[in-house]
Amino acid sequence: MAMTPEAKVKKKVKELLDTIGVYHFSPPGMGLGRAGIPDIIACHRGRFIAIECKAGDNQPTALQSRELEAITNAGGLAFVVRESNLDRLKDLVWMRMN
């Protein structure tokens, strides 16, 4: 089965996180858990990181935006990553962690 554009972004993000030694997991979907939770939850050097993956010009839903804002307000890092800014993820993680 072919991967969706968003699944390709998720795969690339996970590969990047693996190469820089960031612990991460993807919460289960399919109606389990809380709505709007980011696609990838990570921890690096004791800092909570949430990543919402989007393909093309797709935007986070209102629920996703609310969760990302709540994470930021709680002191975590929250990013929307897409193909066009994937290269910046490593820099953003390292800049914020050091």
N, C-alpha and C. Protein backbone atom coordinates (compact mmCIF):
# COMPACT_ATOMS: atom_id res chain seq x y z
N MET A 1 0.83 -1.17 0.00
CA MET A 1 0.00 0.00 0.00
C MET A 1 0.89 1.25 0.00
N ALA A 2 0.51 2.23 -0.79
CA ALA A 2 1.29 3.46 -0.90
C ALA A 2 1.11 4.32 0.35
N MET A 3 2.18 5.03 0.70
CA MET A 3 2.13 5.92 1.85
C MET A 3 1.47 7.23 1.48
N THR A 4 0.68 7.77 2.41
CA THR A 4 0.09 9.09 2.19
C THR A 4 1.20 10.14 2.30
N PRO A 5 0.98 11.33 1.74
CA PRO A 5 1.99 12.39 1.88
C PRO A 5 2.31 12.70 3.35
N GLU A 6 1.30 12.69 4.22
CA GLU A 6 1.55 12.96 5.63
C GLU A 6 2.35 11.83 6.28
N ALA A 7 2.07 10.60 5.89
CA ALA A 7 2.83 9.46 6.43
C ALA A 7 4.30 9.56 6.03
N LYS A 8 4.57 10.09 4.83
CA LYS A 8 5.96 10.28 4.40
C LYS A 8 6.65 11.31 5.28
N VAL A 9 5.94 12.38 5.64
CA VAL A 9 6.52 13.40 6.52
C VAL A 9 6.79 12.78 7.89
N LYS A 10 5.85 12.02 8.43
CA LYS A 10 6.04 11.36 9.73
C LYS A 10 7.27 10.46 9.71
N LYS A 11 7.41 9.69 8.64
CA LYS A 11 8.55 8.77 8.52
C LYS A 11 9.86 9.55 8.53
N LYS A 12 9.93 10.64 7.78
CA LYS A 12 11.15 11.45 7.73
C LYS A 12 11.45 12.08 9.08
N VAL A 13 10.42 12.55 9.77
CA VAL A 13 10.62 13.15 11.10
C VAL A 13 11.19 12.10 12.05
N LYS A 14 10.61 10.91 12.05
CA LYS A 14 11.08 9.85 12.95
C LYS A 14 12.53 9.46 12.63
N GLU A 15 12.87 9.38 11.37
CA GLU A 15 14.24 9.06 10.98
C GLU A 15 15.20 10.15 11.47
N LEU A 16 14.81 11.41 11.33
CA LEU A 16 15.64 12.51 11.79
C LEU A 16 15.82 12.47 13.31
N LEU A 17 14.73 12.25 14.03
CA LEU A 17 14.82 12.17 15.49
C LEU A 17 15.73 11.02 15.92
N ASP A 18 15.65 9.90 15.23
CA ASP A 18 16.52 8.76 15.53
C ASP A 18 17.99 9.13 15.34
N THR A 19 18.30 9.85 14.27
CA THR A 19 19.70 10.18 14.01
C THR A 19 20.28 11.15 15.02
N ILE A 20 19.44 11.99 15.64
CA ILE A 20 19.99 12.93 16.63
C ILE A 20 19.74 12.45 18.07
N GLY A 21 19.28 11.21 18.20
CA GLY A 21 19.17 10.61 19.53
C GLY A 21 18.02 11.11 20.38
N VAL A 22 16.91 11.42 19.74
CA VAL A 22 15.74 11.91 20.46
C VAL A 22 14.77 10.76 20.71
N TYR A 23 14.37 10.56 21.97
CA TYR A 23 13.34 9.56 22.29
C TYR A 23 12.03 10.06 21.72
N HIS A 24 11.26 9.15 21.08
CA HIS A 24 9.97 9.56 20.51
C HIS A 24 9.05 8.37 20.36
N PHE A 25 7.76 8.68 20.28
CA PHE A 25 6.74 7.67 19.97
C PHE A 25 5.56 8.37 19.34
N SER A 26 4.72 7.59 18.70
CA SER A 26 3.48 8.10 18.10
C SER A 26 2.31 7.57 18.90
N PRO A 27 1.51 8.47 19.50
CA PRO A 27 0.34 8.01 20.24
C PRO A 27 -0.64 7.30 19.31
N PRO A 28 -1.35 6.30 19.82
CA PRO A 28 -2.32 5.60 18.95
C PRO A 28 -3.46 6.51 18.55
N GLY A 29 -3.90 6.34 17.34
CA GLY A 29 -5.04 7.11 16.84
C GLY A 29 -6.31 6.30 16.97
N MET A 30 -7.13 6.37 15.96
CA MET A 30 -8.36 5.58 15.86
C MET A 30 -9.32 5.83 17.02
N GLY A 31 -9.42 7.06 17.45
CA GLY A 31 -10.39 7.39 18.50
C GLY A 31 -9.96 7.03 19.91
N LEU A 32 -8.76 6.50 20.06
CA LEU A 32 -8.26 6.17 21.39
C LEU A 32 -7.57 7.39 21.97
N GLY A 33 -7.81 7.69 23.21
CA GLY A 33 -7.15 8.83 23.84
C GLY A 33 -7.83 10.14 23.54
N ARG A 34 -7.10 11.20 23.70
CA ARG A 34 -7.61 12.56 23.60
C ARG A 34 -7.51 13.10 22.17
N ALA A 35 -8.52 13.81 21.72
CA ALA A 35 -8.54 14.37 20.37
C ALA A 35 -7.53 15.51 20.26
N GLY A 36 -6.87 15.61 19.11
CA GLY A 36 -5.96 16.69 18.84
C GLY A 36 -4.52 16.48 19.27
N ILE A 37 -4.23 15.34 19.87
CA ILE A 37 -2.86 15.07 20.33
C ILE A 37 -1.91 15.05 19.13
N PRO A 38 -0.73 15.66 19.26
CA PRO A 38 0.22 15.68 18.14
C PRO A 38 0.62 14.29 17.67
N ASP A 39 1.09 14.24 16.43
CA ASP A 39 1.45 12.96 15.81
C ASP A 39 2.63 12.28 16.48
N ILE A 40 3.59 13.07 16.93
CA ILE A 40 4.81 12.51 17.53
C ILE A 40 5.09 13.23 18.84
N ILE A 41 5.30 12.45 19.88
CA ILE A 41 5.68 12.96 21.19
C ILE A 41 7.13 12.56 21.41
N ALA A 42 7.94 13.51 21.86
CA ALA A 42 9.37 13.23 22.00
C ALA A 42 9.91 13.87 23.28
N CYS A 43 11.10 13.41 23.66
CA CYS A 43 11.81 13.99 24.79
C CYS A 43 13.29 14.00 24.45
N HIS A 44 13.92 15.16 24.66
CA HIS A 44 15.35 15.28 24.39
C HIS A 44 15.96 16.18 25.44
N ARG A 45 16.97 15.63 26.13
CA ARG A 45 17.65 16.36 27.20
C ARG A 45 16.66 16.91 28.23
N GLY A 46 15.66 16.09 28.55
CA GLY A 46 14.70 16.45 29.57
C GLY A 46 13.62 17.42 29.13
N ARG A 47 13.56 17.72 27.85
CA ARG A 47 12.56 18.67 27.35
C ARG A 47 11.49 17.95 26.54
N PHE A 48 10.24 18.28 26.82
CA PHE A 48 9.09 17.69 26.14
C PHE A 48 8.94 18.35 24.77
N ILE A 49 8.76 17.53 23.74
CA ILE A 49 8.61 18.02 22.36
C ILE A 49 7.38 17.36 21.75
N ALA A 50 6.55 18.17 21.09
CA ALA A 50 5.37 17.66 20.38
C ALA A 50 5.47 18.09 18.93
N ILE A 51 5.22 17.16 18.03
CA ILE A 51 5.34 17.44 16.60
C ILE A 51 4.06 17.02 15.89
N GLU A 52 3.45 17.98 15.21
CA GLU A 52 2.30 17.71 14.36
C GLU A 52 2.80 17.71 12.93
N CYS A 53 2.60 16.62 12.22
CA CYS A 53 3.08 16.48 10.84
C CYS A 53 1.96 16.82 9.86
N LYS A 54 2.29 17.63 8.89
CA LYS A 54 1.33 18.01 7.85
C LYS A 54 2.00 17.94 6.50
N ALA A 55 1.23 17.61 5.49
CA ALA A 55 1.73 17.56 4.12
C ALA A 55 1.22 18.78 3.35
N GLY A 56 2.04 19.26 2.45
CA GLY A 56 1.63 20.38 1.61
C GLY A 56 1.28 21.61 2.42
N ASP A 57 0.15 22.22 2.06
CA ASP A 57 -0.31 23.42 2.76
C ASP A 57 -1.34 23.11 3.83
N ASN A 58 -1.53 21.85 4.15
CA ASN A 58 -2.52 21.49 5.18
C ASN A 58 -2.17 22.15 6.50
N GLN A 59 -3.19 22.60 7.20
CA GLN A 59 -3.04 23.29 8.47
C GLN A 59 -3.55 22.40 9.60
N PRO A 60 -3.04 22.61 10.83
CA PRO A 60 -3.58 21.87 11.96
C PRO A 60 -5.05 22.21 12.18
N THR A 61 -5.80 21.24 12.67
CA THR A 61 -7.19 21.49 13.02
C THR A 61 -7.24 22.39 14.27
N ALA A 62 -8.42 22.88 14.58
CA ALA A 62 -8.58 23.71 15.78
C ALA A 62 -8.16 22.93 17.03
N LEU A 63 -8.53 21.66 17.11
CA LEU A 63 -8.14 20.83 18.26
C LEU A 63 -6.63 20.65 18.33
N GLN A 64 -6.01 20.41 17.19
CA GLN A 64 -4.55 20.25 17.16
C GLN A 64 -3.85 21.54 17.57
N SER A 65 -4.33 22.66 17.08
CA SER A 65 -3.75 23.95 17.44
C SER A 65 -3.89 24.22 18.93
N ARG A 66 -5.05 23.85 19.48
CA ARG A 66 -5.26 24.02 20.93
C ARG A 66 -4.26 23.21 21.73
N GLU A 67 -4.02 21.97 21.32
CA GLU A 67 -3.07 21.11 22.03
C GLU A 67 -1.64 21.64 21.91
N LEU A 68 -1.25 22.08 20.71
CA LEU A 68 0.09 22.62 20.52
C LEU A 68 0.30 23.87 21.38
N GLU A 69 -0.71 24.71 21.46
CA GLU A 69 -0.63 25.91 22.29
C GLU A 69 -0.53 25.55 23.78
N ALA A 70 -1.31 24.58 24.21
CA ALA A 70 -1.26 24.15 25.62
C ALA A 70 0.12 23.60 25.97
N ILE A 71 0.72 22.87 25.06
CA ILE A 71 2.06 22.32 25.29
C ILE A 71 3.08 23.45 25.40
N THR A 72 2.99 24.40 24.51
CA THR A 72 3.89 25.56 24.56
C THR A 72 3.70 26.34 25.86
N ASN A 73 2.46 26.55 26.25
CA ASN A 73 2.16 27.29 27.48
C ASN A 73 2.68 26.55 28.72
N ALA A 74 2.79 25.25 28.63
CA ALA A 74 3.29 24.45 29.75
C ALA A 74 4.82 24.35 29.75
N GLY A 75 5.47 24.99 28.78
CA GLY A 75 6.93 24.99 28.73
C GLY A 75 7.54 23.98 27.78
N GLY A 76 6.72 23.23 27.08
CA GLY A 76 7.24 22.28 26.09
C GLY A 76 7.47 22.94 24.76
N LEU A 77 8.05 22.21 23.84
CA LEU A 77 8.25 22.68 22.47
C LEU A 77 7.20 22.02 21.60
N ALA A 78 6.56 22.81 20.76
CA ALA A 78 5.53 22.28 19.86
C ALA A 78 5.78 22.81 18.46
N PHE A 79 5.84 21.92 17.49
CA PHE A 79 6.15 22.28 16.11
C PHE A 79 5.12 21.68 15.16
N VAL A 80 4.86 22.40 14.08
CA VAL A 80 4.17 21.82 12.93
C VAL A 80 5.25 21.62 11.88
N VAL A 81 5.43 20.37 11.48
CA VAL A 81 6.49 20.04 10.52
C VAL A 81 5.84 19.54 9.25
N ARG A 82 6.37 20.03 8.15
CA ARG A 82 5.92 19.60 6.81
C ARG A 82 7.16 19.45 5.94
N GLU A 83 6.98 19.02 4.72
CA GLU A 83 8.13 18.81 3.83
C GLU A 83 8.99 20.07 3.72
N SER A 84 8.34 21.22 3.67
CA SER A 84 9.05 22.47 3.41
C SER A 84 9.90 22.96 4.58
N ASN A 85 9.64 22.49 5.81
CA ASN A 85 10.44 22.95 6.94
C ASN A 85 11.09 21.79 7.71
N LEU A 86 11.08 20.62 7.12
CA LEU A 86 11.67 19.44 7.77
C LEU A 86 13.14 19.67 8.11
N ASP A 87 13.87 20.33 7.22
CA ASP A 87 15.29 20.57 7.47
C ASP A 87 15.53 21.44 8.69
N ARG A 88 14.57 22.27 9.03
CA ARG A 88 14.72 23.17 10.18
C ARG A 88 14.48 22.47 11.51
N LEU A 89 13.84 21.31 11.49
CA LEU A 89 13.51 20.63 12.74
C LEU A 89 14.76 20.36 13.57
N LYS A 90 15.79 19.82 12.97
CA LYS A 90 17.02 19.52 13.71
C LYS A 90 17.58 20.79 14.34
N ASP A 91 17.65 21.85 13.57
CA ASP A 91 18.17 23.12 14.09
C ASP A 91 17.32 23.63 15.24
N LEU A 92 15.99 23.57 15.09
CA LEU A 92 15.10 24.06 16.14
C LEU A 92 15.24 23.26 17.42
N VAL A 93 15.34 21.95 17.29
CA VAL A 93 15.49 21.11 18.48
C VAL A 93 16.81 21.43 19.17
N TRP A 94 17.90 21.50 18.41
CA TRP A 94 19.21 21.77 19.01
C TRP A 94 19.30 23.17 19.60
N MET A 95 18.75 24.18 18.90
CA MET A 95 18.80 25.55 19.41
C MET A 95 18.05 25.67 20.73
N ARG A 96 16.89 25.06 20.80
CA ARG A 96 16.06 25.18 22.01
C ARG A 96 16.57 24.33 23.15
N MET A 97 17.37 23.31 22.84
CA MET A 97 17.83 22.40 23.87
C MET A 97 19.15 22.82 24.49
N ASN A 98 19.88 23.66 23.84
CA ASN A 98 21.20 24.06 24.33
C ASN A 98 21.16 25.44 24.98
